[in-house]
Amino acid sequence: MEWLRPAAFAGSLIYSIIGVVVFWVCFMLIDRLTPYKLWSEICERQNMALAIVVAAMALGISLIVAAAIHG
């Protein structure tokens, strides 16, 4: 029941928000570094290969952020 303490809950919430912000910034940076817009290429042109690469990139960034937060 330690996770129900207000301090533990607040810490988890803050780290979650920080993790999502760091992930979003990294994704936007990678989107700007590519020669085309990832979202329009995946949604409008239905580029499945790019969608798989972006999914792998998202998982990689997520693992790095989670490891950095967890310590």
N, C-alpha and C. Protein backbone atom coordinates (compact mmCIF):
# COMPACT_ATOMS: atom_id res chain seq x y z
N MET A 1 0.81 -1.19 0.00
CA MET A 1 0.00 0.00 0.00
C MET A 1 0.85 1.27 0.00
N GLU A 2 2.16 1.07 -0.19
CA GLU A 2 3.06 2.22 -0.20
C GLU A 2 2.76 3.16 -1.37
N TRP A 3 2.29 2.62 -2.47
CA TRP A 3 2.04 3.44 -3.65
C TRP A 3 0.83 4.35 -3.48
N LEU A 4 0.04 4.13 -2.44
CA LEU A 4 -1.12 4.98 -2.18
C LEU A 4 -0.78 6.23 -1.38
N ARG A 5 0.44 6.29 -0.87
CA ARG A 5 0.84 7.50 -0.14
C ARG A 5 0.85 8.69 -1.09
N PRO A 6 0.45 9.87 -0.60
CA PRO A 6 0.40 11.05 -1.47
C PRO A 6 1.75 11.40 -2.09
N ALA A 7 2.83 11.26 -1.34
CA ALA A 7 4.15 11.61 -1.88
C ALA A 7 4.55 10.65 -3.00
N ALA A 8 4.30 9.36 -2.83
CA ALA A 8 4.63 8.39 -3.87
C ALA A 8 3.77 8.61 -5.11
N PHE A 9 2.50 8.88 -4.90
CA PHE A 9 1.60 9.12 -6.02
C PHE A 9 1.99 10.38 -6.78
N ALA A 10 2.31 11.44 -6.07
CA ALA A 10 2.70 12.70 -6.71
C ALA A 10 4.01 12.52 -7.48
N GLY A 11 4.96 11.80 -6.90
CA GLY A 11 6.22 11.55 -7.59
C GLY A 11 6.01 10.75 -8.87
N SER A 12 5.16 9.74 -8.81
CA SER A 12 4.86 8.96 -10.00
C SER A 12 4.20 9.81 -11.07
N LEU A 13 3.29 10.65 -10.66
CA LEU A 13 2.60 11.52 -11.60
C LEU A 13 3.56 12.51 -12.26
N ILE A 14 4.44 13.10 -11.47
CA ILE A 14 5.41 14.07 -12.01
C ILE A 14 6.37 13.39 -12.98
N TYR A 15 6.89 12.22 -12.60
CA TYR A 15 7.81 11.51 -13.49
C TYR A 15 7.11 11.04 -14.75
N SER A 16 5.85 10.69 -14.66
CA SER A 16 5.10 10.30 -15.86
C SER A 16 4.96 11.47 -16.81
N ILE A 17 4.64 12.63 -16.28
CA ILE A 17 4.49 13.82 -17.12
C ILE A 17 5.83 14.20 -17.75
N ILE A 18 6.90 14.14 -16.97
CA ILE A 18 8.23 14.44 -17.51
C ILE A 18 8.59 13.45 -18.62
N GLY A 19 8.29 12.18 -18.41
CA GLY A 19 8.58 11.16 -19.41
C GLY A 19 7.84 11.40 -20.71
N VAL A 20 6.57 11.75 -20.62
CA VAL A 20 5.77 12.01 -21.82
C VAL A 20 6.29 13.25 -22.55
N VAL A 21 6.66 14.28 -21.81
CA VAL A 21 7.18 15.50 -22.44
C VAL A 21 8.52 15.21 -23.14
N VAL A 22 9.41 14.48 -22.49
CA VAL A 22 10.69 14.15 -23.10
C VAL A 22 10.48 13.30 -24.35
N PHE A 23 9.57 12.34 -24.28
CA PHE A 23 9.27 11.51 -25.44
C PHE A 23 8.75 12.36 -26.59
N TRP A 24 7.81 13.26 -26.30
CA TRP A 24 7.22 14.09 -27.35
C TRP A 24 8.27 15.01 -27.98
N VAL A 25 9.15 15.57 -27.17
CA VAL A 25 10.21 16.44 -27.71
C VAL A 25 11.14 15.64 -28.61
N CYS A 26 11.51 14.45 -28.19
CA CYS A 26 12.38 13.60 -29.02
C CYS A 26 11.69 13.23 -30.33
N PHE A 27 10.41 12.91 -30.27
CA PHE A 27 9.68 12.56 -31.47
C PHE A 27 9.61 13.74 -32.43
N MET A 28 9.33 14.93 -31.90
CA MET A 28 9.25 16.11 -32.76
C MET A 28 10.62 16.44 -33.37
N LEU A 29 11.69 16.23 -32.61
CA LEU A 29 13.04 16.46 -33.12
C LEU A 29 13.34 15.51 -34.27
N ILE A 30 13.01 14.26 -34.11
CA ILE A 30 13.24 13.29 -35.18
C ILE A 30 12.36 13.60 -36.38
N ASP A 31 11.14 14.05 -36.14
CA ASP A 31 10.25 14.43 -37.24
C ASP A 31 10.83 15.58 -38.04
N ARG A 32 11.46 16.52 -37.37
CA ARG A 32 12.07 17.67 -38.08
C ARG A 32 13.36 17.28 -38.80
N LEU A 33 14.06 16.27 -38.30
CA LEU A 33 15.31 15.85 -38.93
C LEU A 33 15.09 15.01 -40.19
N THR A 34 13.93 14.39 -40.31
CA THR A 34 13.65 13.59 -41.50
C THR A 34 13.26 14.51 -42.66
N PRO A 35 13.49 14.06 -43.88
CA PRO A 35 13.20 14.94 -45.03
C PRO A 35 11.71 15.11 -45.33
N TYR A 36 10.84 14.38 -44.67
CA TYR A 36 9.40 14.51 -44.88
C TYR A 36 8.69 14.45 -43.55
N LYS A 37 7.42 14.81 -43.54
CA LYS A 37 6.64 14.80 -42.31
C LYS A 37 6.17 13.37 -42.02
N LEU A 38 6.56 12.84 -40.88
CA LEU A 38 6.26 11.46 -40.54
C LEU A 38 4.76 11.20 -40.47
N TRP A 39 4.03 12.07 -39.80
CA TRP A 39 2.61 11.83 -39.58
C TRP A 39 1.84 11.80 -40.90
N SER A 40 2.09 12.75 -41.79
CA SER A 40 1.37 12.76 -43.06
C SER A 40 1.79 11.59 -43.94
N GLU A 41 3.04 11.21 -43.87
CA GLU A 41 3.52 10.08 -44.67
C GLU A 41 2.87 8.78 -44.21
N ILE A 42 2.70 8.62 -42.91
CA ILE A 42 2.10 7.39 -42.39
C ILE A 42 0.59 7.38 -42.60
N CYS A 43 -0.08 8.49 -42.29
CA CYS A 43 -1.55 8.51 -42.35
C CYS A 43 -2.10 8.70 -43.75
N GLU A 44 -1.56 9.66 -44.47
CA GLU A 44 -2.13 9.98 -45.79
C GLU A 44 -1.64 9.04 -46.88
N ARG A 45 -0.37 8.71 -46.85
CA ARG A 45 0.20 7.86 -47.91
C ARG A 45 0.24 6.40 -47.51
N GLN A 46 -0.13 6.09 -46.26
CA GLN A 46 -0.22 4.71 -45.77
C GLN A 46 1.11 3.95 -45.91
N ASN A 47 2.20 4.59 -45.53
CA ASN A 47 3.53 3.99 -45.64
C ASN A 47 3.75 3.07 -44.44
N MET A 48 3.51 1.78 -44.63
CA MET A 48 3.59 0.80 -43.54
C MET A 48 5.03 0.60 -43.07
N ALA A 49 5.99 0.62 -43.99
CA ALA A 49 7.38 0.44 -43.60
C ALA A 49 7.84 1.58 -42.68
N LEU A 50 7.47 2.78 -43.01
CA LEU A 50 7.82 3.92 -42.16
C LEU A 50 7.11 3.84 -40.82
N ALA A 51 5.88 3.36 -40.81
CA ALA A 51 5.15 3.20 -39.56
C ALA A 51 5.85 2.21 -38.63
N ILE A 52 6.39 1.15 -39.17
CA ILE A 52 7.12 0.17 -38.36
C ILE A 52 8.41 0.77 -37.82
N VAL A 53 9.11 1.54 -38.63
CA VAL A 53 10.34 2.20 -38.18
C VAL A 53 10.04 3.22 -37.09
N VAL A 54 8.98 3.99 -37.26
CA VAL A 54 8.60 4.99 -36.25
C VAL A 54 8.17 4.30 -34.96
N ALA A 55 7.48 3.17 -35.07
CA ALA A 55 7.08 2.42 -33.86
C ALA A 55 8.31 1.91 -33.12
N ALA A 56 9.28 1.40 -33.84
CA ALA A 56 10.52 0.94 -33.20
C ALA A 56 11.26 2.11 -32.55
N MET A 57 11.27 3.25 -33.22
CA MET A 57 11.90 4.45 -32.66
C MET A 57 11.18 4.88 -31.38
N ALA A 58 9.85 4.84 -31.40
CA ALA A 58 9.07 5.23 -30.24
C ALA A 58 9.35 4.30 -29.06
N LEU A 59 9.44 3.01 -29.32
CA LEU A 59 9.77 2.06 -28.25
C LEU A 59 11.18 2.31 -27.70
N GLY A 60 12.12 2.60 -28.59
CA GLY A 60 13.48 2.88 -28.15
C GLY A 60 13.55 4.12 -27.27
N ILE A 61 12.90 5.19 -27.69
CA ILE A 61 12.89 6.41 -26.89
C ILE A 61 12.21 6.16 -25.55
N SER A 62 11.11 5.42 -25.58
CA SER A 62 10.39 5.11 -24.35
C SER A 62 11.25 4.32 -23.37
N LEU A 63 11.99 3.36 -23.87
CA LEU A 63 12.87 2.58 -22.99
C LEU A 63 13.97 3.45 -22.37
N ILE A 64 14.53 4.33 -23.17
CA ILE A 64 15.57 5.22 -22.66
C ILE A 64 15.00 6.15 -21.59
N VAL A 65 13.84 6.74 -21.83
CA VAL A 65 13.22 7.64 -20.85
C VAL A 65 12.87 6.87 -19.58
N ALA A 66 12.32 5.67 -19.72
CA ALA A 66 11.96 4.88 -18.54
C ALA A 66 13.20 4.50 -17.74
N ALA A 67 14.28 4.13 -18.41
CA ALA A 67 15.51 3.78 -17.70
C ALA A 67 16.10 5.00 -16.99
N ALA A 68 16.02 6.16 -17.63
CA ALA A 68 16.56 7.38 -17.02
C ALA A 68 15.74 7.77 -15.79
N ILE A 69 14.43 7.60 -15.86
CA ILE A 69 13.59 7.95 -14.72
C ILE A 69 13.74 6.95 -13.59
N HIS A 70 13.80 5.67 -13.96
CA HIS A 70 13.89 4.63 -12.94
C HIS A 70 15.24 4.64 -12.21
N GLY A 71 16.26 4.97 -12.93
CA GLY A 71 17.58 5.09 -12.31
C GLY A 71 18.39 3.93 -12.47
